[in-house]
Structure formats: C-alpha cells, structure tokens
Amino acid sequence: MRALCVCHDALSDPGYVGAALRDLGWQVDELVVVPEDRHHAPDVEPSFPDSAAYDLLVPLGAPWSAGVDDARIGRWLAPELRWLADAVAGGGAVFGICFGAQALARALGGTVTRSPSPEIGWVGVESDRPDLVPSGPWFQWHFDRFTVPPGAVELARNAAAPQAYRIGRSLGVQFHPEVTPAGIRRWVAGGGAAQARGLGLRPADLVADADRLAADARRRTETLVSAYLNEIFAC
C-alpha cells in the first residue's frame, strides 16, 4: 500500500502518522509544496501527481489559511482543492490533518473561516467515537475552523471548532496527530513563538509539554491511524 503525505511547507513532516503507516507496512512518499526558500512567498506552482497512483492521500498542516489566504497562496490552493475533490469522487481515500482537513472540507462543499478561539497547545476533544478518535489531549495549532462538508459525519469537537469528521473513505482532523517534539520545536523557531506569545503562551512550555507527552501522543496516533484504516479506509 502506498501513501502520499503532502507537506505544504518545509517545516512540517509526516511524523508519527508516517511512522504508524510505515510500521503497518505502507510505503510513505512525501511531496513538499512550498520549499524553504519560498516560505515568505508561497505562490509557487507545484505539480500534484495522479491521485490514483496512491492508496491514501495525507495532506498535512500549513502556516497559511485554507479559507482566507487564497490570494497569498496563489497558484496551488485551487488545484489542490480540485485534486482532493477528484480523489474522493473517484473513490479514493484522504486523511486530512489541520490545514489538510480544512482543505478537504472546503473541496467537498464545507467552509473555512477564522476562528474566534484560536488554539495552540495540548487540548482535549469531545469524541463520539473514542475508539476511533481518542479524546486526547491532541496538539493544536490553528487560527481557522471548518464546517463539516455536506454528507459528512462529525466525530469530535470542542468549544473552539469541529475536530474530526468522516466522509466516504476519508477522515479529517483539526488537530495534529503527526507532530513530534522535534516538529513543534521547528514550528516555534520558524515563527510560531510570536504567535504563541500573542495568545499568552510560553513557547518553552509548548516544547516541554511535547517532550513530556511524546510517548502517549505517539500511542494515540497509532490508535487513530489503525482505527481509521480498519474502519473508514477499508469501507
């Protein structure tokens, strides 16, 4: 089985999700949309491969908005939305994470808007299916929220936003099951420290919490990935 993880920026990687897939025997390929030298000018023109060449698409998070940064992102967001919609319409499977979940929701008729309650840090969710989507805590870093697309089933939520939904063979989650302590350090160093301080958070605490919670976070991600593959992907 073959998965493509779409890393929208060079600071992100498949982390625990990629590791869980590899542990289950999957081949995991990676596509970086915006290279490091274009981080502050992300209007690039990548080429998205034929989705039928992969059993699973995993669009990851991004430092941009899937709902209000269209002009800044420019040439790649609309093609990605069509790519995701076409994959689902063709019976394919998508596991969208944060920006990826928002993009999938928008591609399928939902909306993405600024959230009145941005979230950074470790947050619990109210899950209707804790066997499928554990209640956390999950790491969050988002300023937007999505509406669940038509035909989807909301699986988890909190006071800030919907947190998980399923539609067909696809799953979208607002939180970051993939992120490792090293990934959080990259986000903090890559401009996230100012965002965290803007919400009254200490960047050093985010890193310390990531180290402290790493083993449990990885186990929750393994549970999520395995349950998704066994129940939603396999349907």
Protein backbone atom coordinates (compact mmCIF):
# COMPACT_ATOMS: atom_id res chain seq x y z
CA MET A 1 0.00 0.00 0.00
CA ARG A 2 1.23 3.46 -0.88
CA ALA A 3 0.51 6.81 0.81
CA LEU A 4 1.44 10.34 -0.27
CA CYS A 5 1.96 12.83 2.54
CA VAL A 6 1.56 16.39 1.28
CA CYS A 7 3.89 18.63 3.31
CA HIS A 8 2.65 22.11 2.49
CA ASP A 9 5.75 23.77 3.95
CA ALA A 10 9.30 22.66 4.66
CA LEU A 11 8.85 22.85 8.46
CA SER A 12 6.29 20.05 8.51
CA ASP A 13 6.66 16.30 8.09
CA PRO A 14 4.51 13.15 8.48
CA GLY A 15 5.97 12.48 11.92
CA TYR A 16 4.00 9.96 13.97
CA VAL A 17 1.41 9.41 11.22
CA GLY A 18 4.10 8.49 8.72
CA ALA A 19 5.77 6.23 11.26
CA ALA A 20 2.48 4.48 12.06
CA LEU A 21 1.82 3.84 8.37
CA ARG A 22 5.35 2.51 7.82
CA ASP A 23 5.03 0.25 10.85
CA LEU A 24 1.94 -1.24 9.18
CA GLY A 25 3.90 -1.96 6.02
CA TRP A 26 2.96 1.08 3.94
CA GLN A 27 5.25 2.90 1.55
CA VAL A 28 5.12 6.58 2.50
CA ASP A 29 6.14 9.18 -0.08
CA GLU A 30 6.37 12.92 0.62
CA LEU A 31 5.60 15.96 -1.54
CA VAL A 32 6.77 19.40 -0.35
CA VAL A 33 4.54 22.08 -1.88
CA VAL A 34 6.32 25.26 -0.75
CA PRO A 35 10.11 24.84 -0.43
CA GLU A 36 12.00 26.52 2.39
CA ASP A 37 13.31 29.35 0.22
CA ARG A 38 9.75 30.33 -0.77
CA HIS A 39 8.23 30.26 2.72
CA HIS A 40 7.56 34.02 2.68
CA ALA A 41 6.45 33.97 -0.95
CA PRO A 42 4.36 30.78 -1.14
CA ASP A 43 2.79 31.48 -4.55
CA VAL A 44 4.51 28.52 -6.18
CA GLU A 45 3.18 26.23 -8.89
CA PRO A 46 3.68 22.61 -7.83
CA SER A 47 2.54 19.59 -9.76
CA PHE A 48 0.20 17.25 -7.90
CA PRO A 49 0.59 13.64 -9.05
CA ASP A 50 -2.21 11.40 -10.23
CA SER A 51 -4.12 10.60 -7.06
CA ALA A 52 -4.95 7.16 -8.45
CA ALA A 53 -1.27 6.25 -8.10
CA TYR A 54 -1.73 6.25 -4.31
CA ASP A 55 -3.98 4.31 -1.97
CA LEU A 56 -4.10 7.21 0.50
CA LEU A 57 -3.51 10.96 0.36
CA VAL A 58 -2.43 12.67 3.61
CA PRO A 59 -2.49 16.48 3.26
CA LEU A 60 -0.82 17.92 6.35
CA GLY A 61 -0.97 21.30 8.08
CA ALA A 62 0.33 24.64 6.84
CA PRO A 63 1.14 28.08 8.24
CA TRP A 64 -1.44 29.58 5.87
CA SER A 65 -5.22 29.54 5.84
CA ALA A 66 -7.22 27.19 3.65
CA GLY A 67 -10.05 29.71 3.71
CA VAL A 68 -8.80 33.29 3.72
CA ASP A 69 -5.27 33.18 2.25
CA ASP A 70 -6.25 32.35 -1.33
CA ALA A 71 -4.54 35.39 -2.84
CA ARG A 72 -1.36 34.86 -0.84
CA ILE A 73 -1.14 31.15 -1.56
CA GLY A 74 -1.99 31.84 -5.16
CA ARG A 75 -1.50 29.16 -7.74
CA TRP A 76 -1.56 25.94 -5.72
CA LEU A 77 -4.58 26.04 -3.40
CA ALA A 78 -7.31 25.82 -6.05
CA PRO A 79 -5.54 22.96 -7.87
CA GLU A 80 -5.13 21.12 -4.57
CA LEU A 81 -8.81 21.53 -3.75
CA ARG A 82 -9.75 20.09 -7.14
CA TRP A 83 -7.22 17.28 -6.67
CA LEU A 84 -8.73 16.31 -3.31
CA ALA A 85 -12.30 16.54 -4.60
CA ASP A 86 -11.46 14.42 -7.62
CA ALA A 87 -9.75 11.82 -5.44
CA VAL A 88 -12.81 11.46 -3.22
CA ALA A 89 -15.19 11.45 -6.19
CA GLY A 90 -13.15 8.62 -7.70
CA GLY A 91 -13.49 6.50 -4.55
CA GLY A 92 -10.08 7.41 -3.16
CA ALA A 93 -9.16 7.99 0.46
CA VAL A 94 -7.88 11.17 2.15
CA PHE A 95 -6.66 11.60 5.72
CA GLY A 96 -6.59 15.38 6.15
CA ILE A 97 -4.77 16.99 9.06
CA CYS A 98 -5.40 20.59 10.22
CA PHE A 99 -4.99 22.66 7.01
CA GLY A 100 -5.44 19.38 5.14
CA ALA A 101 -8.76 18.71 6.91
CA GLN A 102 -9.87 22.27 6.21
CA ALA A 103 -8.89 21.98 2.55
CA LEU A 104 -10.75 18.68 2.25
CA ALA A 105 -13.84 20.16 3.89
CA ARG A 106 -13.76 23.15 1.54
CA ALA A 107 -13.14 20.94 -1.51
CA LEU A 108 -16.26 18.94 -0.64
CA GLY A 109 -18.58 21.90 -0.06
CA GLY A 110 -17.80 22.97 3.52
CA THR A 111 -16.37 26.32 4.56
CA VAL A 112 -13.22 27.55 6.29
CA THR A 113 -13.24 30.78 8.31
CA ARG A 114 -11.24 32.48 11.02
CA SER A 115 -11.96 31.02 14.43
CA PRO A 116 -12.91 33.33 17.29
CA SER A 117 -10.94 30.96 19.53
CA PRO A 118 -7.51 30.07 18.06
CA GLU A 119 -5.85 27.04 19.63
CA ILE A 120 -2.19 26.40 20.31
CA GLY A 121 -1.10 23.65 22.66
CA TRP A 122 -2.43 20.37 24.03
CA VAL A 123 -6.22 20.21 24.02
CA GLY A 124 -8.81 17.54 24.72
CA VAL A 125 -11.74 16.90 22.39
CA GLU A 126 -15.24 15.56 22.90
CA SER A 127 -15.27 12.41 20.80
CA ASP A 128 -18.36 10.43 19.82
CA ARG A 129 -16.05 7.54 18.91
CA PRO A 130 -13.10 7.43 21.31
CA ASP A 131 -12.20 4.01 19.91
CA LEU A 132 -11.67 5.72 16.54
CA VAL A 133 -10.74 9.28 17.58
CA PRO A 134 -9.29 9.23 21.11
CA SER A 135 -10.22 12.23 23.24
CA GLY A 136 -6.63 13.38 23.54
CA PRO A 137 -5.01 15.57 24.55
CA TRP A 138 -4.02 16.40 20.97
CA PHE A 139 -1.63 19.11 19.85
CA GLN A 140 -3.35 22.04 18.17
CA TRP A 141 -2.02 25.00 16.20
CA HIS A 142 -4.73 26.71 14.20
CA PHE A 143 -6.42 30.06 13.75
CA ASP A 144 -9.22 28.82 11.46
CA ARG A 145 -12.09 26.38 11.70
CA PHE A 146 -14.06 24.39 9.16
CA THR A 147 -17.68 23.44 8.77
CA VAL A 148 -18.25 19.76 8.18
CA PRO A 149 -18.97 19.24 4.46
CA PRO A 150 -22.38 18.00 3.26
CA GLY A 151 -22.74 14.27 3.70
CA ALA A 152 -20.00 14.04 6.33
CA VAL A 153 -20.42 12.82 9.92
CA GLU A 154 -18.86 14.89 12.68
CA LEU A 155 -16.94 12.63 15.04
CA ALA A 156 -15.37 15.04 17.55
CA ARG A 157 -15.49 18.66 18.60
CA ASN A 158 -14.61 21.13 21.33
CA ALA A 159 -15.72 24.65 22.22
CA ALA A 160 -13.45 26.16 19.55
CA ALA A 161 -14.26 24.10 16.47
CA PRO A 162 -15.30 20.79 14.96
CA GLN A 163 -12.34 18.46 15.47
CA ALA A 164 -12.95 15.40 13.31
CA TYR A 165 -15.27 14.18 10.57
CA ARG A 166 -15.59 11.26 8.20
CA ILE A 167 -16.94 11.20 4.68
CA GLY A 168 -16.78 8.13 2.47
CA ARG A 169 -13.33 6.59 2.93
CA SER A 170 -11.85 9.87 4.19
CA LEU A 171 -11.16 11.38 7.60
CA GLY A 172 -10.38 14.98 8.55
CA VAL A 173 -8.96 16.06 11.91
CA GLN A 174 -8.34 19.61 13.07
CA PHE A 175 -5.58 18.62 15.48
CA HIS A 176 -2.06 17.40 14.73
CA PRO A 177 -1.66 13.66 15.40
CA GLU A 178 1.53 13.64 13.32
CA VAL A 179 3.58 16.23 15.16
CA THR A 180 6.63 15.19 17.19
CA PRO A 181 8.59 17.22 19.75
CA ALA A 182 11.14 17.97 17.01
CA GLY A 183 8.33 19.22 14.78
CA ILE A 184 6.99 21.51 17.49
CA ARG A 185 10.48 22.91 18.01
CA ARG A 186 10.69 23.69 14.28
CA TRP A 187 7.33 25.45 14.32
CA VAL A 188 8.30 27.51 17.38
CA ALA A 189 11.65 28.51 15.86
CA GLY A 190 10.09 29.17 12.44
CA GLY A 191 7.85 32.00 13.58
CA GLY A 192 5.46 30.24 15.91
CA ALA A 193 6.97 31.70 19.07
CA ALA A 194 5.41 35.09 18.36
CA GLN A 195 2.04 33.51 17.64
CA ALA A 196 2.17 31.60 20.91
CA ARG A 197 3.11 34.69 22.90
CA GLY A 198 0.24 36.52 21.22
CA LEU A 199 -2.12 34.04 22.88
CA GLY A 200 -0.38 34.41 26.24
CA LEU A 201 1.59 31.17 25.94
CA ARG A 202 5.24 30.49 26.69
CA PRO A 203 6.97 28.78 23.74
CA ALA A 204 9.27 26.94 26.13
CA ASP A 205 6.22 25.39 27.80
CA LEU A 206 4.95 24.07 24.46
CA VAL A 207 8.26 22.33 23.87
CA ALA A 208 8.47 20.97 27.42
CA ASP A 209 4.91 19.63 27.22
CA ALA A 210 5.70 17.96 23.89
CA ASP A 211 8.63 16.12 25.42
CA ARG A 212 6.59 15.09 28.46
CA LEU A 213 3.62 13.84 26.42
CA ALA A 214 5.52 12.32 23.49
CA ALA A 215 5.08 8.63 24.30
CA ASP A 216 1.34 8.94 24.96
CA ALA A 217 0.86 11.15 21.91
CA ARG A 218 2.51 8.57 19.68
CA ARG A 219 0.31 5.79 21.09
CA ARG A 220 -2.84 7.84 20.49
CA THR A 221 -1.74 8.47 16.91
CA GLU A 222 -1.11 4.76 16.36
CA THR A 223 -4.63 4.05 17.65
CA LEU A 224 -6.12 6.71 15.37
CA VAL A 225 -4.27 5.56 12.25
CA SER A 226 -5.02 1.88 12.85
CA ALA A 227 -8.71 2.52 13.56
CA TYR A 228 -9.03 4.77 10.51
CA LEU A 229 -7.50 2.15 8.24
CA ASN A 230 -9.58 -0.68 9.66
CA GLU A 231 -12.95 1.08 9.70
CA ILE A 232 -13.08 4.06 7.32
CA PHE A 233 -10.36 3.43 4.73
CA ALA A 234 -11.42 -0.20 4.37
CA CYS A 235 -15.10 0.51 3.78
